[in-house]
């Protein structure tokens, strides 16, 4: 059975859809409601490495807090990661992890292929 972790926001339709796909496939899953259990700086950094992304690519740049914190002008890796730790609403969702790999499950159509690989 495939073991996965999902950073999930139950209020997000795409995140709910991703969770439904995981359930249909029959994955052994750990659901992390990341707005309640915020990922640590190390967890976000590890996720970025698995995703092959820089911090801004994992951020929801249209959130009000992104503008309020003036993150568009920020280029420092650590400051961007720290902003996500302090404001997990900035983290794009859903993030799905398996066996040292990760994807952002958008569009959700990519999830099944990711799990099959």
PDB file of N, CA and C in Angstrom:
ATOM      1  N   UNK A   1       0.837  -1.186   0.000  1.00  0.00           N
ATOM      2  CA  UNK A   1       0.000   0.000   0.000  1.00  0.00           C
ATOM      3  C   UNK A   1       0.882   1.249   0.000  1.00  0.00           C
ATOM      4  N   UNK A   2       0.501   2.230  -0.799  1.00  0.00           N
ATOM      5  CA  UNK A   2       1.246   3.479  -0.905  1.00  0.00           C
ATOM      6  C   UNK A   2       1.053   4.292   0.376  1.00  0.00           C
ATOM      7  N   UNK A   3       2.161   4.778   0.930  1.00  0.00           N
ATOM      8  CA  UNK A   3       2.095   5.641   2.100  1.00  0.00           C
ATOM      9  C   UNK A   3       2.383   7.069   1.680  1.00  0.00           C
ATOM     10  N   UNK A   4       1.461   7.970   2.004  1.00  0.00           N
ATOM     11  CA  UNK A   4       1.610   9.371   1.620  1.00  0.00           C
ATOM     12  C   UNK A   4       1.273  10.279   2.792  1.00  0.00           C
ATOM     13  N   UNK A   5       1.794  11.479   2.696  1.00  0.00           N
ATOM     14  CA  UNK A   5       1.419  12.560   3.603  1.00  0.00           C
ATOM     15  C   UNK A   5       0.857  13.667   2.742  1.00  0.00           C
ATOM     16  N   UNK A   6      -0.200  14.294   3.216  1.00  0.00           N
ATOM     17  CA  UNK A   6      -0.787  15.416   2.488  1.00  0.00           C
ATOM     18  C   UNK A   6      -0.903  16.600   3.426  1.00  0.00           C
ATOM     19  N   UNK A   7      -0.404  17.755   2.986  1.00  0.00           N
ATOM     20  CA  UNK A   7      -0.657  19.011   3.689  1.00  0.00           C
ATOM     21  C   UNK A   7      -2.003  19.478   3.172  1.00  0.00           C
ATOM     22  N   UNK A   8      -2.985  19.470   4.037  1.00  0.00           N
ATOM     23  CA  UNK A   8      -4.381  19.602   3.652  1.00  0.00           C
ATOM     24  C   UNK A   8      -5.047  20.787   4.334  1.00  0.00           C
ATOM     25  N   UNK A   9      -5.897  21.466   3.559  1.00  0.00           N
ATOM     26  CA  UNK A   9      -6.761  22.513   4.099  1.00  0.00           C
ATOM     27  C   UNK A   9      -8.190  22.091   3.774  1.00  0.00           C
ATOM     28  N   UNK A  10      -8.968  21.665   4.784  1.00  0.00           N
ATOM     29  CA  UNK A  10     -10.315  21.171   4.531  1.00  0.00           C
ATOM     30  C   UNK A  10     -11.252  22.207   3.900  1.00  0.00           C
ATOM     31  N   UNK A  11     -10.920  23.485   3.980  1.00  0.00           N
ATOM     32  CA  UNK A  11     -11.769  24.526   3.392  1.00  0.00           C
ATOM     33  C   UNK A  11     -11.501  24.734   1.897  1.00  0.00           C
ATOM     34  N   UNK A  12     -10.473  24.094   1.384  1.00  0.00           N
ATOM     35  CA  UNK A  12     -10.076  24.250  -0.021  1.00  0.00           C
ATOM     36  C   UNK A  12     -10.649  23.104  -0.848  1.00  0.00           C
ATOM     37  N   UNK A  13     -11.371  23.446  -1.899  1.00  0.00           N
ATOM     38  CA  UNK A  13     -11.996  22.406  -2.731  1.00  0.00           C
ATOM     39  C   UNK A  13     -10.956  21.514  -3.407  1.00  0.00           C
ATOM     40  N   UNK A  14      -9.853  22.078  -3.866  1.00  0.00           N
ATOM     41  CA  UNK A  14      -8.813  21.271  -4.517  1.00  0.00           C
ATOM     42  C   UNK A  14      -8.157  20.330  -3.513  1.00  0.00           C
ATOM     43  N   UNK A  15      -7.980  20.797  -2.305  1.00  0.00           N
ATOM     44  CA  UNK A  15      -7.394  19.958  -1.263  1.00  0.00           C
ATOM     45  C   UNK A  15      -8.352  18.817  -0.900  1.00  0.00           C
ATOM     46  N   UNK A  16      -9.632  19.122  -0.805  1.00  0.00           N
ATOM     47  CA  UNK A  16     -10.628  18.076  -0.530  1.00  0.00           C
ATOM     48  C   UNK A  16     -10.675  17.066  -1.669  1.00  0.00           C
ATOM     49  N   UNK A  17     -10.586  17.570  -2.893  1.00  0.00           N
ATOM     50  CA  UNK A  17     -10.582  16.684  -4.057  1.00  0.00           C
ATOM     51  C   UNK A  17      -9.350  15.767  -4.039  1.00  0.00           C
ATOM     52  N   UNK A  18      -8.209  16.330  -3.682  1.00  0.00           N
ATOM     53  CA  UNK A  18      -6.980  15.534  -3.601  1.00  0.00           C
ATOM     54  C   UNK A  18      -7.120  14.440  -2.545  1.00  0.00           C
ATOM     55  N   UNK A  19      -7.660  14.788  -1.399  1.00  0.00           N
ATOM     56  CA  UNK A  19      -7.858  13.805  -0.337  1.00  0.00           C
ATOM     57  C   UNK A  19      -8.800  12.695  -0.804  1.00  0.00           C
ATOM     58  N   UNK A  20      -9.828  13.055  -1.535  1.00  0.00           N
ATOM     59  CA  UNK A  20     -10.764  12.072  -2.079  1.00  0.00           C
ATOM     60  C   UNK A  20     -10.053  11.113  -3.038  1.00  0.00           C
ATOM     61  N   UNK A  21      -9.169  11.633  -3.863  1.00  0.00           N
ATOM     62  CA  UNK A  21      -8.398  10.800  -4.795  1.00  0.00           C
ATOM     63  C   UNK A  21      -7.528   9.821  -4.015  1.00  0.00           C
ATOM     64  N   UNK A  22      -6.879  10.298  -2.966  1.00  0.00           N
ATOM     65  CA  UNK A  22      -6.042   9.421  -2.146  1.00  0.00           C
ATOM     66  C   UNK A  22      -6.876   8.305  -1.525  1.00  0.00           C
ATOM     67  N   UNK A  23      -8.070   8.652  -1.085  1.00  0.00           N
ATOM     68  CA  UNK A  23      -8.960   7.650  -0.492  1.00  0.00           C
ATOM     69  C   UNK A  23      -9.419   6.636  -1.540  1.00  0.00           C
ATOM     70  N   UNK A  24      -9.748   7.094  -2.738  1.00  0.00           N
ATOM     71  CA  UNK A  24     -10.178   6.196  -3.819  1.00  0.00           C
ATOM     72  C   UNK A  24      -9.079   5.208  -4.194  1.00  0.00           C
ATOM     73  N   UNK A  25      -7.846   5.700  -4.223  1.00  0.00           N
ATOM     74  CA  UNK A  25      -6.711   4.850  -4.585  1.00  0.00           C
ATOM     75  C   UNK A  25      -6.391   3.874  -3.451  1.00  0.00           C
ATOM     76  N   UNK A  26      -6.770   4.238  -2.247  1.00  0.00           N
ATOM     77  CA  UNK A  26      -6.526   3.361  -1.101  1.00  0.00           C
ATOM     78  C   UNK A  26      -5.160   3.555  -0.471  1.00  0.00           C
ATOM     79  N   UNK A  27      -4.702   4.767  -0.457  1.00  0.00           N
ATOM     80  CA  UNK A  27      -3.401   5.075   0.144  1.00  0.00           C
ATOM     81  C   UNK A  27      -3.469   5.011   1.663  1.00  0.00           C
ATOM     82  N   UNK A  28      -2.355   4.633   2.254  1.00  0.00           N
ATOM     83  CA  UNK A  28      -2.179   4.785   3.694  1.00  0.00           C
ATOM     84  C   UNK A  28      -1.698   6.220   3.865  1.00  0.00           C
ATOM     85  N   UNK A  29      -2.540   7.083   4.429  1.00  0.00           N
ATOM     86  CA  UNK A  29      -2.224   8.512   4.395  1.00  0.00           C
ATOM     87  C   UNK A  29      -2.163   9.119   5.783  1.00  0.00           C
ATOM     88  N   UNK A  30      -1.279  10.096   5.886  1.00  0.00           N
ATOM     89  CA  UNK A  30      -1.202  10.963   7.053  1.00  0.00           C
ATOM     90  C   UNK A  30      -1.686  12.330   6.581  1.00  0.00           C
ATOM     91  N   UNK A  31      -2.779  12.788   7.168  1.00  0.00           N
ATOM     92  CA  UNK A  31      -3.351  14.075   6.789  1.00  0.00           C
ATOM     93  C   UNK A  31      -2.879  15.120   7.794  1.00  0.00           C
ATOM     94  N   UNK A  32      -2.141  16.113   7.303  1.00  0.00           N
ATOM     95  CA  UNK A  32      -1.652  17.196   8.143  1.00  0.00           C
ATOM     96  C   UNK A  32      -2.447  18.446   7.790  1.00  0.00           C
ATOM     97  N   UNK A  33      -3.274  18.879   8.705  1.00  0.00           N
ATOM     98  CA  UNK A  33      -4.007  20.135   8.507  1.00  0.00           C
ATOM     99  C   UNK A  33      -3.022  21.253   8.836  1.00  0.00           C
ATOM    100  N   UNK A  34      -2.319  21.691   7.801  1.00  0.00           N
ATOM    101  CA  UNK A  34      -1.164  22.561   7.985  1.00  0.00           C
ATOM    102  C   UNK A  34      -1.504  23.944   8.548  1.00  0.00           C
ATOM    103  N   UNK A  35      -2.758  24.350   8.511  1.00  0.00           N
ATOM    104  CA  UNK A  35      -3.122  25.623   9.144  1.00  0.00           C
ATOM    105  C   UNK A  35      -3.205  25.463  10.659  1.00  0.00           C
ATOM    106  N   UNK A  36      -3.421  24.236  11.120  1.00  0.00           N
ATOM    107  CA  UNK A  36      -3.474  23.949  12.554  1.00  0.00           C
ATOM    108  C   UNK A  36      -2.139  23.451  13.078  1.00  0.00           C
ATOM    109  N   UNK A  37      -1.474  22.626  12.295  1.00  0.00           N
ATOM    110  CA  UNK A  37      -0.169  22.074  12.644  1.00  0.00           C
ATOM    111  C   UNK A  37       0.815  22.591  11.600  1.00  0.00           C
ATOM    112  N   UNK A  38       1.325  23.765  11.857  1.00  0.00           N
ATOM    113  CA  UNK A  38       2.175  24.443  10.879  1.00  0.00           C
ATOM    114  C   UNK A  38       3.481  23.682  10.662  1.00  0.00           C
ATOM    115  N   UNK A  39       3.844  23.449   9.406  1.00  0.00           N
ATOM    116  CA  UNK A  39       5.144  22.828   9.141  1.00  0.00           C
ATOM    117  C   UNK A  39       6.279  23.706   9.686  1.00  0.00           C
ATOM    118  N   UNK A  40       7.313  23.049  10.161  1.00  0.00           N
ATOM    119  CA  UNK A  40       8.487  23.767  10.668  1.00  0.00           C
ATOM    120  C   UNK A  40       9.304  24.306   9.496  1.00  0.00           C
ATOM    121  N   UNK A  41      10.252  25.131   9.812  1.00  0.00           N
ATOM    122  CA  UNK A  41      11.151  25.657   8.780  1.00  0.00           C
ATOM    123  C   UNK A  41      11.873  24.507   8.074  1.00  0.00           C
ATOM    124  N   UNK A  42      12.331  23.528   8.848  1.00  0.00           N
ATOM    125  CA  UNK A  42      13.014  22.374   8.251  1.00  0.00           C
ATOM    126  C   UNK A  42      12.078  21.579   7.349  1.00  0.00           C
ATOM    127  N   UNK A  43      10.822  21.409   7.767  1.00  0.00           N
ATOM    128  CA  UNK A  43       9.860  20.664   6.945  1.00  0.00           C
ATOM    129  C   UNK A  43       9.566  21.397   5.640  1.00  0.00           C
ATOM    130  N   UNK A  44       9.435  22.709   5.701  1.00  0.00           N
ATOM    131  CA  UNK A  44       9.191  23.482   4.484  1.00  0.00           C
ATOM    132  C   UNK A  44      10.410  23.433   3.576  1.00  0.00           C
ATOM    133  N   UNK A  45      11.588  23.556   4.149  1.00  0.00           N
ATOM    134  CA  UNK A  45      12.824  23.503   3.364  1.00  0.00           C
ATOM    135  C   UNK A  45      12.964  22.137   2.690  1.00  0.00           C
ATOM    136  N   UNK A  46      12.666  21.074   3.426  1.00  0.00           N
ATOM    137  CA  UNK A  46      12.708  19.726   2.854  1.00  0.00           C
ATOM    138  C   UNK A  46      11.685  19.587   1.734  1.00  0.00           C
ATOM    139  N   UNK A  47      10.482  20.114   1.955  1.00  0.00           N
ATOM    140  CA  UNK A  47       9.450  20.066   0.916  1.00  0.00           C
ATOM    141  C   UNK A  47       9.920  20.801  -0.333  1.00  0.00           C
ATOM    142  N   UNK A  48      10.535  21.960  -0.160  1.00  0.00           N
ATOM    143  CA  UNK A  48      11.032  22.720  -1.310  1.00  0.00           C
ATOM    144  C   UNK A  48      12.070  21.925  -2.091  1.00  0.00           C
ATOM    145  N   UNK A  49      12.943  21.225  -1.375  1.00  0.00           N
ATOM    146  CA  UNK A  49      13.950  20.388  -2.037  1.00  0.00           C
ATOM    147  C   UNK A  49      13.276  19.275  -2.819  1.00  0.00           C
ATOM    148  N   UNK A  50      12.299  18.611  -2.191  1.00  0.00           N
ATOM    149  CA  UNK A  50      11.579  17.528  -2.880  1.00  0.00           C
ATOM    150  C   UNK A  50      10.825  18.040  -4.100  1.00  0.00           C
ATOM    151  N   UNK A  51      10.269  19.224  -3.983  1.00  0.00           N
ATOM    152  CA  UNK A  51       9.501  19.818  -5.078  1.00  0.00           C
ATOM    153  C   UNK A  51      10.394  20.402  -6.169  1.00  0.00           C
ATOM    154  N   UNK A  52      11.660  20.676  -5.823  1.00  0.00           N
ATOM    155  CA  UNK A  52      12.559  21.330  -6.772  1.00  0.00           C
ATOM    156  C   UNK A  52      12.163  22.768  -7.016  1.00  0.00           C
ATOM    157  N   UNK A  53      11.690  23.417  -5.947  1.00  0.00           N
ATOM    158  CA  UNK A  53      11.166  24.781  -6.066  1.00  0.00           C
ATOM    159  C   UNK A  53      11.902  25.743  -5.156  1.00  0.00           C
ATOM    160  N   UNK A  54      11.748  27.021  -5.469  1.00  0.00           N
ATOM    161  CA  UNK A  54      12.182  28.057  -4.545  1.00  0.00           C
ATOM    162  C   UNK A  54      10.961  28.428  -3.688  1.00  0.00           C
ATOM    163  N   UNK A  55      11.158  29.116  -2.583  1.00  0.00           N
ATOM    164  CA  UNK A  55      10.037  29.414  -1.683  1.00  0.00           C
ATOM    165  C   UNK A  55       8.855  30.120  -2.340  1.00  0.00           C
ATOM    166  N   UNK A  56       9.114  31.060  -3.212  1.00  0.00           N
ATOM    167  CA  UNK A  56       8.014  31.808  -3.830  1.00  0.00           C
ATOM    168  C   UNK A  56       7.093  30.885  -4.642  1.00  0.00           C
ATOM    169  N   UNK A  57       7.660  29.843  -5.246  1.00  0.00           N
ATOM    170  CA  UNK A  57       6.853  28.920  -6.043  1.00  0.00           C
ATOM    171  C   UNK A  57       5.881  28.104  -5.186  1.00  0.00           C
ATOM    172  N   UNK A  58       6.153  28.008  -3.893  1.00  0.00           N
ATOM    173  CA  UNK A  58       5.276  27.287  -2.972  1.00  0.00           C
ATOM    174  C   UNK A  58       4.290  28.233  -2.290  1.00  0.00           C
ATOM    175  N   UNK A  59       4.382  29.502  -2.608  1.00  0.00           N
ATOM    176  CA  UNK A  59       3.545  30.501  -1.933  1.00  0.00           C
ATOM    177  C   UNK A  59       2.305  30.844  -2.736  1.00  0.00           C
ATOM    178  N   UNK A  60       1.251  31.129  -1.988  1.00  0.00           N
ATOM    179  CA  UNK A  60       0.001  31.636  -2.562  1.00  0.00           C
ATOM    180  C   UNK A  60       0.149  33.157  -2.648  1.00  0.00           C
ATOM    181  N   UNK A  61       0.595  33.620  -3.777  1.00  0.00           N
ATOM    182  CA  UNK A  61       0.952  35.033  -3.941  1.00  0.00           C
ATOM    183  C   UNK A  61      -0.263  35.960  -4.019  1.00  0.00           C
ATOM    184  N   UNK A  62      -1.454  35.393  -4.140  1.00  0.00           N
ATOM    185  CA  UNK A  62      -2.649  36.235  -4.207  1.00  0.00           C
ATOM    186  C   UNK A  62      -3.313  36.421  -2.844  1.00  0.00           C
ATOM    187  N   UNK A  63      -2.756  35.795  -1.807  1.00  0.00           N
ATOM    188  CA  UNK A  63      -3.283  35.991  -0.453  1.00  0.00           C
ATOM    189  C   UNK A  63      -2.975  37.424   0.003  1.00  0.00           C
ATOM    190  N   UNK A  64      -3.892  38.017   0.746  1.00  0.00           N
ATOM    191  CA  UNK A  64      -3.695  39.383   1.254  1.00  0.00           C
ATOM    192  C   UNK A  64      -2.418  39.503   2.066  1.00  0.00           C
ATOM    193  N   UNK A  65      -2.131  38.479   2.872  1.00  0.00           N
ATOM    194  CA  UNK A  65      -0.947  38.538   3.741  1.00  0.00           C
ATOM    195  C   UNK A  65       0.340  38.644   2.922  1.00  0.00           C
ATOM    196  N   UNK A  66       0.346  38.094   1.720  1.00  0.00           N
ATOM    197  CA  UNK A  66       1.514  38.192   0.839  1.00  0.00           C
ATOM    198  C   UNK A  66       1.816  39.656   0.535  1.00  0.00           C
ATOM    199  N   UNK A  67       0.781  40.405   0.195  1.00  0.00           N
ATOM    200  CA  UNK A  67       0.945  41.839  -0.082  1.00  0.00           C
ATOM    201  C   UNK A  67       1.243  42.609   1.184  1.00  0.00           C
ATOM    202  N   UNK A  68       0.524  42.295   2.251  1.00  0.00           N
ATOM    203  CA  UNK A  68       0.728  43.001   3.520  1.00  0.00           C
ATOM    204  C   UNK A  68       2.158  42.893   4.016  1.00  0.00           C
ATOM    205  N   UNK A  69       2.773  41.734   3.811  1.00  0.00           N
ATOM    206  CA  UNK A  69       4.156  41.530   4.249  1.00  0.00           C
ATOM    207  C   UNK A  69       5.179  41.991   3.215  1.00  0.00           C
ATOM    208  N   UNK A  70       4.685  42.520   2.087  1.00  0.00           N
ATOM    209  CA  UNK A  70       5.555  43.020   1.016  1.00  0.00           C
ATOM    210  C   UNK A  70       6.523  41.937   0.522  1.00  0.00           C
ATOM    211  N   UNK A  71       6.012  40.722   0.375  1.00  0.00           N
ATOM    212  CA  UNK A  71       6.861  39.601  -0.008  1.00  0.00           C
ATOM    213  C   UNK A  71       7.258  39.615  -1.478  1.00  0.00           C
ATOM    214  N   UNK A  72       6.545  40.361  -2.284  1.00  0.00           N
ATOM    215  CA  UNK A  72       6.903  40.464  -3.702  1.00  0.00           C
ATOM    216  C   UNK A  72       8.313  41.021  -3.863  1.00  0.00           C
ATOM    217  N   UNK A  73       8.698  41.888  -2.945  1.00  0.00           N
ATOM    218  CA  UNK A  73      10.016  42.527  -3.004  1.00  0.00           C
ATOM    219  C   UNK A  73      11.093  41.722  -2.272  1.00  0.00           C
ATOM    220  N   UNK A  74      10.689  40.664  -1.568  1.00  0.00           N
ATOM    221  CA  UNK A  74      11.637  39.878  -0.768  1.00  0.00           C
ATOM    222  C   UNK A  74      12.314  38.819  -1.630  1.00  0.00           C
ATOM    223  N   UNK A  75      13.635  38.760  -1.551  1.00  0.00           N
ATOM    224  CA  UNK A  75      14.390  37.769  -2.307  1.00  0.00           C
ATOM    225  C   UNK A  75      15.141  36.786  -1.418  1.00  0.00           C
ATOM    226  N   UNK A  76      15.150  37.027  -0.116  1.00  0.00           N
ATOM    227  CA  UNK A  76      15.908  36.183   0.796  1.00  0.00           C
ATOM    228  C   UNK A  76      15.165  34.866   1.043  1.00  0.00           C
ATOM    229  N   UNK A  77      15.806  33.753   0.730  1.00  0.00           N
ATOM    230  CA  UNK A  77      15.222  32.411   0.869  1.00  0.00           C
ATOM    231  C   UNK A  77      14.689  32.193   2.280  1.00  0.00           C
ATOM    232  N   UNK A  78      15.527  32.436   3.282  1.00  0.00           N
ATOM    233  CA  UNK A  78      15.129  32.175   4.667  1.00  0.00           C
ATOM    234  C   UNK A  78      13.961  33.049   5.103  1.00  0.00           C
ATOM    235  N   UNK A  79      13.940  34.284   4.685  1.00  0.00           N
ATOM    236  CA  UNK A  79      12.832  35.166   5.071  1.00  0.00           C
ATOM    237  C   UNK A  79      11.517  34.712   4.444  1.00  0.00           C
ATOM    238  N   UNK A  80      11.582  34.225   3.220  1.00  0.00           N
ATOM    239  CA  UNK A  80      10.380  33.714   2.571  1.00  0.00           C
ATOM    240  C   UNK A  80       9.868  32.448   3.270  1.00  0.00           C
ATOM    241  N   UNK A  81      10.791  31.563   3.622  1.00  0.00           N
ATOM    242  CA  UNK A  81      10.397  30.345   4.348  1.00  0.00           C
ATOM    243  C   UNK A  81       9.839  30.726   5.719  1.00  0.00           C
ATOM    244  N   UNK A  82      10.506  31.648   6.407  1.00  0.00           N
ATOM    245  CA  UNK A  82      10.013  32.101   7.715  1.00  0.00           C
ATOM    246  C   UNK A  82       8.606  32.683   7.614  1.00  0.00           C
ATOM    247  N   UNK A  83       8.333  33.387   6.521  1.00  0.00           N
ATOM    248  CA  UNK A  83       6.991  33.956   6.329  1.00  0.00           C
ATOM    249  C   UNK A  83       5.948  32.843   6.234  1.00  0.00           C
ATOM    250  N   UNK A  84       6.297  31.734   5.596  1.00  0.00           N
ATOM    251  CA  UNK A  84       5.361  30.611   5.497  1.00  0.00           C
ATOM    252  C   UNK A  84       5.163  29.924   6.848  1.00  0.00           C
ATOM    253  N   UNK A  85       6.232  29.855   7.636  1.00  0.00           N
ATOM    254  CA  UNK A  85       6.113  29.261   8.969  1.00  0.00           C
ATOM    255  C   UNK A  85       5.185  30.116   9.838  1.00  0.00           C
ATOM    256  N   UNK A  86       5.371  31.411   9.776  1.00  0.00           N
ATOM    257  CA  UNK A  86       4.559  32.320  10.601  1.00  0.00           C
ATOM    258  C   UNK A  86       3.152  32.499  10.052  1.00  0.00           C
ATOM    259  N   UNK A  87       2.979  32.299   8.748  1.00  0.00           N
ATOM    260  CA  UNK A  87       1.689  32.516   8.079  1.00  0.00           C
ATOM    261  C   UNK A  87       1.419  31.341   7.145  1.00  0.00           C
ATOM    262  N   UNK A  88       1.051  30.179   7.691  1.00  0.00           N
ATOM    263  CA  UNK A  88       0.900  28.992   6.846  1.00  0.00           C
ATOM    264  C   UNK A  88      -0.150  29.135   5.751  1.00  0.00           C
ATOM    265  N   UNK A  89      -1.007  30.132   5.860  1.00  0.00           N
ATOM    266  CA  UNK A  89      -1.988  30.396   4.807  1.00  0.00           C
ATOM    267  C   UNK A  89      -1.289  30.682   3.476  1.00  0.00           C
ATOM    268  N   UNK A  90      -0.026  31.086   3.537  1.00  0.00           N
ATOM    269  CA  UNK A  90       0.759  31.375   2.341  1.00  0.00           C
ATOM    270  C   UNK A  90       1.163  30.114   1.574  1.00  0.00           C
ATOM    271  N   UNK A  91       1.107  28.952   2.217  1.00  0.00           N
ATOM    272  CA  UNK A  91       1.573  27.717   1.589  1.00  0.00           C
ATOM    273  C   UNK A  91       0.531  27.215   0.584  1.00  0.00           C
ATOM    274  N   UNK A  92       0.996  26.964  -0.617  1.00  0.00           N
ATOM    275  CA  UNK A  92       0.113  26.414  -1.657  1.00  0.00           C
ATOM    276  C   UNK A  92      -0.370  25.041  -1.219  1.00  0.00           C
ATOM    277  N   UNK A  93      -1.526  24.665  -1.693  1.00  0.00           N
ATOM    278  CA  UNK A  93      -2.116  23.395  -1.279  1.00  0.00           C
ATOM    279  C   UNK A  93      -2.781  22.725  -2.467  1.00  0.00           C
ATOM    280  N   UNK A  94      -2.934  21.436  -2.341  1.00  0.00           N
ATOM    281  CA  UNK A  94      -2.379  20.508  -1.363  1.00  0.00           C
ATOM    282  C   UNK A  94      -0.968  20.087  -1.777  1.00  0.00           C
ATOM    283  N   UNK A  95      -0.128  19.796  -0.803  1.00  0.00           N
ATOM    284  CA  UNK A  95       1.195  19.235  -1.084  1.00  0.00           C
ATOM    285  C   UNK A  95       1.125  17.768  -0.679  1.00  0.00           C
ATOM    286  N   UNK A  96       1.550  16.905  -1.586  1.00  0.00           N
ATOM    287  CA  UNK A  96       1.487  15.465  -1.362  1.00  0.00           C
ATOM    288  C   UNK A  96       2.902  14.901  -1.425  1.00  0.00           C
ATOM    289  N   UNK A  97       3.234  14.099  -0.412  1.00  0.00           N
ATOM    290  CA  UNK A  97       4.573  13.520  -0.272  1.00  0.00           C
ATOM    291  C   UNK A  97       4.497  11.999  -0.323  1.00  0.00           C
ATOM    292  N   UNK A  98       5.456  11.401  -0.994  1.00  0.00           N
ATOM    293  CA  UNK A  98       5.618   9.945  -0.940  1.00  0.00           C
ATOM    294  C   UNK A  98       7.071   9.609  -1.254  1.00  0.00           C
ATOM    295  N   UNK A  99       7.630   8.736  -0.466  1.00  0.00           N
ATOM    296  CA  UNK A  99       8.956   8.164  -0.729  1.00  0.00           C
ATOM    297  C   UNK A  99       9.999   9.196  -1.153  1.00  0.00           C
ATOM    298  N   UNK A 100      10.112  10.287  -0.428  1.00  0.00           N
ATOM    299  CA  UNK A 100      11.129  11.292  -0.719  1.00  0.00           C
ATOM    300  C   UNK A 100      10.818  12.187  -1.899  1.00  0.00           C
ATOM    301  N   UNK A 101       9.597  12.130  -2.397  1.00  0.00           N
ATOM    302  CA  UNK A 101       9.173  12.971  -3.507  1.00  0.00           C
ATOM    303  C   UNK A 101       7.953  13.771  -3.070  1.00  0.00           C
ATOM    304  N   UNK A 102       7.682  14.849  -3.785  1.00  0.00           N
ATOM    305  CA  UNK A 102       6.504  15.658  -3.469  1.00  0.00           C
ATOM    306  C   UNK A 102       5.985  16.346  -4.722  1.00  0.00           C
ATOM    307  N   UNK A 103       4.697  16.657  -4.674  1.00  0.00           N
ATOM    308  CA  UNK A 103       4.067  17.475  -5.719  1.00  0.00           C
ATOM    309  C   UNK A 103       3.056  18.400  -5.058  1.00  0.00           C
ATOM    310  N   UNK A 104       2.775  19.487  -5.750  1.00  0.00           N
ATOM    311  CA  UNK A 104       1.604  20.291  -5.411  1.00  0.00           C
ATOM    312  C   UNK A 104       0.491  19.698  -6.267  1.00  0.00           C
ATOM    313  N   UNK A 105      -0.564  19.253  -5.630  1.00  0.00           N
ATOM    314  CA  UNK A 105      -1.630  18.534  -6.324  1.00  0.00           C
ATOM    315  C   UNK A 105      -2.581  19.416  -7.099  1.00  0.00           C
ATOM    316  N   UNK A 106      -2.054  20.284  -7.910  1.00  0.00           N
ATOM    317  CA  UNK A 106      -2.836  21.155  -8.793  1.00  0.00           C
ATOM    318  C   UNK A 106      -2.232  21.077 -10.181  1.00  0.00           C
ATOM    319  N   UNK A 107      -2.973  20.732 -11.144  1.00  0.00           N
ATOM    320  CA  UNK A 107      -4.346  20.260 -11.059  1.00  0.00           C
ATOM    321  C   UNK A 107      -4.381  18.881 -10.411  1.00  0.00           C
ATOM    322  N   UNK A 108      -5.513  18.517  -9.878  1.00  0.00           N
ATOM    323  CA  UNK A 108      -5.607  17.246  -9.159  1.00  0.00           C
ATOM    324  C   UNK A 108      -5.439  16.048 -10.093  1.00  0.00           C
ATOM    325  N   UNK A 109      -5.558  16.267 -11.376  1.00  0.00           N
ATOM    326  CA  UNK A 109      -5.397  15.172 -12.345  1.00  0.00           C
ATOM    327  C   UNK A 109      -3.981  14.591 -12.332  1.00  0.00           C
ATOM    328  N   UNK A 110      -3.006  15.294 -11.771  1.00  0.00           N
ATOM    329  CA  UNK A 110      -1.627  14.796 -11.743  1.00  0.00           C
ATOM    330  C   UNK A 110      -1.373  13.836 -10.577  1.00  0.00           C
ATOM    331  N   UNK A 111      -2.280  13.773  -9.637  1.00  0.00           N
ATOM    332  CA  UNK A 111      -2.049  13.003  -8.411  1.00  0.00           C
ATOM    333  C   UNK A 111      -1.926  11.506  -8.690  1.00  0.00           C
ATOM    334  N   UNK A 112      -2.844  10.936  -9.450  1.00  0.00           N
ATOM    335  CA  UNK A 112      -2.803   9.493  -9.713  1.00  0.00           C
ATOM    336  C   UNK A 112      -1.496   9.084 -10.376  1.00  0.00           C
ATOM    337  N   UNK A 113      -1.032   9.859 -11.344  1.00  0.00           N
ATOM    338  CA  UNK A 113       0.244   9.540 -12.011  1.00  0.00           C
ATOM    339  C   UNK A 113       1.407   9.633 -11.038  1.00  0.00           C
ATOM    340  N   UNK A 114       1.393  10.631 -10.164  1.00  0.00           N
ATOM    341  CA  UNK A 114       2.444  10.777  -9.170  1.00  0.00           C
ATOM    342  C   UNK A 114       2.482   9.543  -8.265  1.00  0.00           C
ATOM    343  N   UNK A 115       1.333   9.096  -7.825  1.00  0.00           N
ATOM    344  CA  UNK A 115       1.279   7.944  -6.927  1.00  0.00           C
ATOM    345  C   UNK A 115       1.675   6.651  -7.614  1.00  0.00           C
ATOM    346  N   UNK A 116       1.434   6.569  -8.906  1.00  0.00           N
ATOM    347  CA  UNK A 116       1.764   5.361  -9.673  1.00  0.00           C
ATOM    348  C   UNK A 116       3.244   5.283 -10.024  1.00  0.00           C
ATOM    349  N   UNK A 117       3.943   6.394  -9.979  1.00  0.00           N
ATOM    350  CA  UNK A 117       5.355   6.400 -10.405  1.00  0.00           C
ATOM    351  C   UNK A 117       6.279   5.883  -9.329  1.00  0.00           C
TER     352      UNK A 117
END
